Amino acid sequence: MEYVVVEFGEPREVMVDGASQGKNRADSGNYNLLPVTEGLHTIELGGSQDFMPISHTVVIGGTSQINPLRVVFQKKA
């Protein structure tokens, strides 16, 4: 199992290859650690398209709960 943290300034649904993986943030505001399988994946956020890029396509491998892959989305100005 591999792990991803999706960083964005507000809670959003995280889609991996079109399937929901839950929210990027917990109710406490902390980032959620999302389990994913090893390999090539496309990661997107749900909700308003007020961020960039629209998606990230990444190869996930060699991660751990302590050292997850960090995927960062930025709010559009």
N, C-alpha and C. Protein backbone atom coordinates (compact mmCIF):
# COMPACT_ATOMS: atom_id res chain seq x y z
N MET A 1 0.84 -1.18 0.00
CA MET A 1 0.00 0.00 0.00
C MET A 1 0.88 1.24 0.00
N GLU A 2 0.47 2.22 -0.77
CA GLU A 2 1.17 3.50 -0.86
C GLU A 2 0.29 4.57 -0.22
N TYR A 3 0.87 5.76 0.02
CA TYR A 3 0.13 6.82 0.72
C TYR A 3 0.35 8.17 0.06
N VAL A 4 -0.74 8.96 0.04
CA VAL A 4 -0.73 10.29 -0.56
C VAL A 4 -1.38 11.27 0.40
N VAL A 5 -0.84 12.48 0.44
CA VAL A 5 -1.47 13.61 1.13
C VAL A 5 -1.74 14.65 0.05
N VAL A 6 -2.99 15.09 -0.05
CA VAL A 6 -3.37 16.09 -1.05
C VAL A 6 -3.56 17.42 -0.35
N GLU A 7 -2.68 18.36 -0.67
CA GLU A 7 -2.67 19.66 -0.01
C GLU A 7 -3.48 20.68 -0.81
N PHE A 8 -4.44 21.29 -0.14
CA PHE A 8 -5.22 22.40 -0.67
C PHE A 8 -5.76 23.16 0.54
N GLY A 9 -5.96 24.44 0.39
CA GLY A 9 -6.30 25.30 1.51
C GLY A 9 -7.63 25.06 2.18
N GLU A 10 -8.50 24.26 1.57
CA GLU A 10 -9.81 23.99 2.16
C GLU A 10 -10.17 22.53 1.92
N PRO A 11 -11.11 22.00 2.69
CA PRO A 11 -11.50 20.59 2.51
C PRO A 11 -12.15 20.37 1.14
N ARG A 12 -11.71 19.34 0.46
CA ARG A 12 -12.26 18.95 -0.84
C ARG A 12 -12.26 17.44 -0.96
N GLU A 13 -13.18 16.93 -1.75
CA GLU A 13 -13.17 15.51 -2.09
C GLU A 13 -11.97 15.25 -2.99
N VAL A 14 -11.30 14.14 -2.76
CA VAL A 14 -10.15 13.75 -3.58
C VAL A 14 -10.58 12.57 -4.46
N MET A 15 -10.34 12.73 -5.75
CA MET A 15 -10.64 11.67 -6.71
C MET A 15 -9.32 11.10 -7.23
N VAL A 16 -9.18 9.78 -7.17
CA VAL A 16 -8.01 9.10 -7.73
C VAL A 16 -8.53 8.21 -8.85
N ASP A 17 -8.11 8.50 -10.06
CA ASP A 17 -8.57 7.77 -11.25
C ASP A 17 -10.09 7.76 -11.33
N GLY A 18 -10.72 8.87 -10.95
CA GLY A 18 -12.17 9.02 -11.06
C GLY A 18 -12.97 8.47 -9.90
N ALA A 19 -12.33 7.85 -8.92
CA ALA A 19 -13.03 7.28 -7.78
C ALA A 19 -12.72 8.08 -6.51
N SER A 20 -13.75 8.36 -5.73
CA SER A 20 -13.57 9.14 -4.51
C SER A 20 -12.71 8.38 -3.49
N GLN A 21 -11.76 9.10 -2.89
CA GLN A 21 -10.92 8.54 -1.85
C GLN A 21 -11.16 9.24 -0.51
N GLY A 22 -12.21 10.06 -0.45
CA GLY A 22 -12.51 10.81 0.77
C GLY A 22 -12.01 12.24 0.66
N LYS A 23 -11.99 12.93 1.78
CA LYS A 23 -11.60 14.34 1.83
C LYS A 23 -10.10 14.48 2.04
N ASN A 24 -9.57 15.60 1.55
CA ASN A 24 -8.15 15.88 1.75
C ASN A 24 -7.84 16.31 3.18
N ARG A 25 -8.86 16.85 3.89
CA ARG A 25 -8.66 17.33 5.26
C ARG A 25 -9.73 16.74 6.19
N ALA A 26 -9.31 16.47 7.41
CA ALA A 26 -10.24 16.02 8.45
C ALA A 26 -10.97 17.24 9.01
N ASP A 27 -12.02 17.00 9.79
CA ASP A 27 -12.76 18.09 10.42
C ASP A 27 -11.86 18.96 11.29
N SER A 28 -10.79 18.38 11.81
CA SER A 28 -9.83 19.11 12.65
C SER A 28 -8.98 20.08 11.83
N GLY A 29 -8.98 19.92 10.50
CA GLY A 29 -8.15 20.75 9.64
C GLY A 29 -6.86 20.07 9.22
N ASN A 30 -6.51 18.96 9.87
CA ASN A 30 -5.30 18.23 9.50
C ASN A 30 -5.51 17.50 8.18
N TYR A 31 -4.42 17.30 7.44
CA TYR A 31 -4.50 16.56 6.19
C TYR A 31 -4.73 15.08 6.46
N ASN A 32 -5.58 14.47 5.65
CA ASN A 32 -5.81 13.03 5.74
C ASN A 32 -4.74 12.29 4.95
N LEU A 33 -4.35 11.14 5.45
CA LEU A 33 -3.43 10.24 4.78
C LEU A 33 -4.28 9.28 3.96
N LEU A 34 -4.15 9.34 2.64
CA LEU A 34 -5.00 8.54 1.76
C LEU A 34 -4.23 7.35 1.21
N PRO A 35 -4.74 6.13 1.43
CA PRO A 35 -4.08 4.94 0.89
C PRO A 35 -4.41 4.77 -0.59
N VAL A 36 -3.41 4.44 -1.39
CA VAL A 36 -3.59 4.18 -2.82
C VAL A 36 -2.69 3.01 -3.21
N THR A 37 -2.97 2.45 -4.37
CA THR A 37 -2.11 1.38 -4.86
C THR A 37 -0.90 1.96 -5.58
N GLU A 38 0.13 1.18 -5.69
CA GLU A 38 1.34 1.60 -6.40
C GLU A 38 1.02 1.74 -7.89
N GLY A 39 1.65 2.71 -8.55
CA GLY A 39 1.50 2.85 -9.99
C GLY A 39 1.14 4.26 -10.42
N LEU A 40 0.70 4.38 -11.66
CA LEU A 40 0.35 5.65 -12.28
C LEU A 40 -1.10 6.00 -11.94
N HIS A 41 -1.32 7.21 -11.41
CA HIS A 41 -2.66 7.64 -11.02
C HIS A 41 -2.87 9.11 -11.39
N THR A 42 -4.13 9.46 -11.66
CA THR A 42 -4.53 10.84 -11.85
C THR A 42 -5.33 11.28 -10.64
N ILE A 43 -4.88 12.39 -10.03
CA ILE A 43 -5.50 12.90 -8.80
C ILE A 43 -6.17 14.22 -9.11
N GLU A 44 -7.44 14.35 -8.68
CA GLU A 44 -8.22 15.56 -8.91
C GLU A 44 -8.95 15.93 -7.62
N LEU A 45 -9.40 17.18 -7.55
CA LEU A 45 -10.22 17.65 -6.45
C LEU A 45 -11.65 17.83 -6.92
N GLY A 46 -12.60 17.61 -6.00
CA GLY A 46 -14.00 17.87 -6.30
C GLY A 46 -14.34 19.32 -5.99
N GLY A 47 -15.59 19.68 -6.23
CA GLY A 47 -16.06 21.03 -5.93
C GLY A 47 -15.75 22.00 -7.03
N SER A 48 -15.80 23.27 -6.69
CA SER A 48 -15.53 24.34 -7.66
C SER A 48 -14.15 24.18 -8.28
N GLN A 49 -14.04 24.50 -9.54
CA GLN A 49 -12.76 24.40 -10.24
C GLN A 49 -11.95 25.68 -10.04
N ASP A 50 -11.76 26.06 -8.78
CA ASP A 50 -11.06 27.30 -8.43
C ASP A 50 -9.63 27.04 -7.99
N PHE A 51 -9.02 26.03 -8.60
CA PHE A 51 -7.66 25.64 -8.23
C PHE A 51 -6.89 25.27 -9.49
N MET A 52 -5.58 25.16 -9.32
CA MET A 52 -4.73 24.71 -10.43
C MET A 52 -3.61 23.86 -9.88
N PRO A 53 -3.11 22.94 -10.65
CA PRO A 53 -3.64 22.51 -11.93
C PRO A 53 -4.97 21.77 -11.73
N ILE A 54 -5.65 21.46 -12.82
CA ILE A 54 -6.92 20.75 -12.75
C ILE A 54 -6.70 19.33 -12.23
N SER A 55 -5.56 18.73 -12.55
CA SER A 55 -5.24 17.39 -12.07
C SER A 55 -3.73 17.21 -12.03
N HIS A 56 -3.32 16.19 -11.31
CA HIS A 56 -1.92 15.75 -11.27
C HIS A 56 -1.90 14.29 -11.71
N THR A 57 -1.04 13.96 -12.65
CA THR A 57 -0.81 12.56 -12.99
C THR A 57 0.56 12.21 -12.45
N VAL A 58 0.58 11.23 -11.54
CA VAL A 58 1.80 10.91 -10.80
C VAL A 58 2.03 9.41 -10.76
N VAL A 59 3.30 9.04 -10.65
CA VAL A 59 3.67 7.65 -10.40
C VAL A 59 3.91 7.54 -8.90
N ILE A 60 3.17 6.66 -8.26
CA ILE A 60 3.25 6.51 -6.81
C ILE A 60 3.95 5.21 -6.48
N GLY A 61 5.00 5.31 -5.67
CA GLY A 61 5.76 4.14 -5.24
C GLY A 61 6.79 4.54 -4.22
N GLY A 62 7.09 3.66 -3.31
CA GLY A 62 8.12 3.93 -2.31
C GLY A 62 7.69 4.87 -1.20
N THR A 63 6.38 5.03 -1.01
CA THR A 63 5.90 5.91 0.05
C THR A 63 5.67 5.12 1.33
N SER A 64 5.36 5.83 2.39
CA SER A 64 5.00 5.20 3.66
C SER A 64 4.07 6.14 4.40
N GLN A 65 3.53 5.69 5.51
CA GLN A 65 2.68 6.56 6.32
C GLN A 65 3.47 7.75 6.85
N ILE A 66 4.75 7.55 7.08
CA ILE A 66 5.61 8.63 7.58
C ILE A 66 6.09 9.53 6.45
N ASN A 67 6.23 8.98 5.25
CA ASN A 67 6.75 9.73 4.11
C ASN A 67 5.82 9.55 2.89
N PRO A 68 4.60 10.14 2.96
CA PRO A 68 3.67 10.01 1.83
C PRO A 68 4.07 10.91 0.67
N LEU A 69 3.54 10.63 -0.50
CA LEU A 69 3.68 11.54 -1.63
C LEU A 69 2.77 12.73 -1.37
N ARG A 70 3.30 13.94 -1.50
CA ARG A 70 2.51 15.16 -1.32
C ARG A 70 2.15 15.72 -2.67
N VAL A 71 0.85 15.88 -2.89
CA VAL A 71 0.31 16.44 -4.13
C VAL A 71 -0.32 17.77 -3.76
N VAL A 72 0.14 18.85 -4.41
CA VAL A 72 -0.26 20.20 -4.02
C VAL A 72 -1.09 20.86 -5.11
N PHE A 73 -2.25 21.38 -4.72
CA PHE A 73 -3.09 22.20 -5.58
C PHE A 73 -3.08 23.61 -5.02
N GLN A 74 -3.07 24.61 -5.90
CA GLN A 74 -3.06 26.01 -5.50
C GLN A 74 -4.39 26.66 -5.85
N LYS A 75 -4.86 27.56 -4.99
CA LYS A 75 -6.07 28.33 -5.26
C LYS A 75 -5.79 29.31 -6.38
N LYS A 76 -6.73 29.41 -7.35
CA LYS A 76 -6.58 30.41 -8.42
C LYS A 76 -6.76 31.80 -7.84
N ALA A 77 -5.99 32.74 -8.37
CA ALA A 77 -6.08 34.14 -7.89
C ALA A 77 -7.30 34.82 -8.45
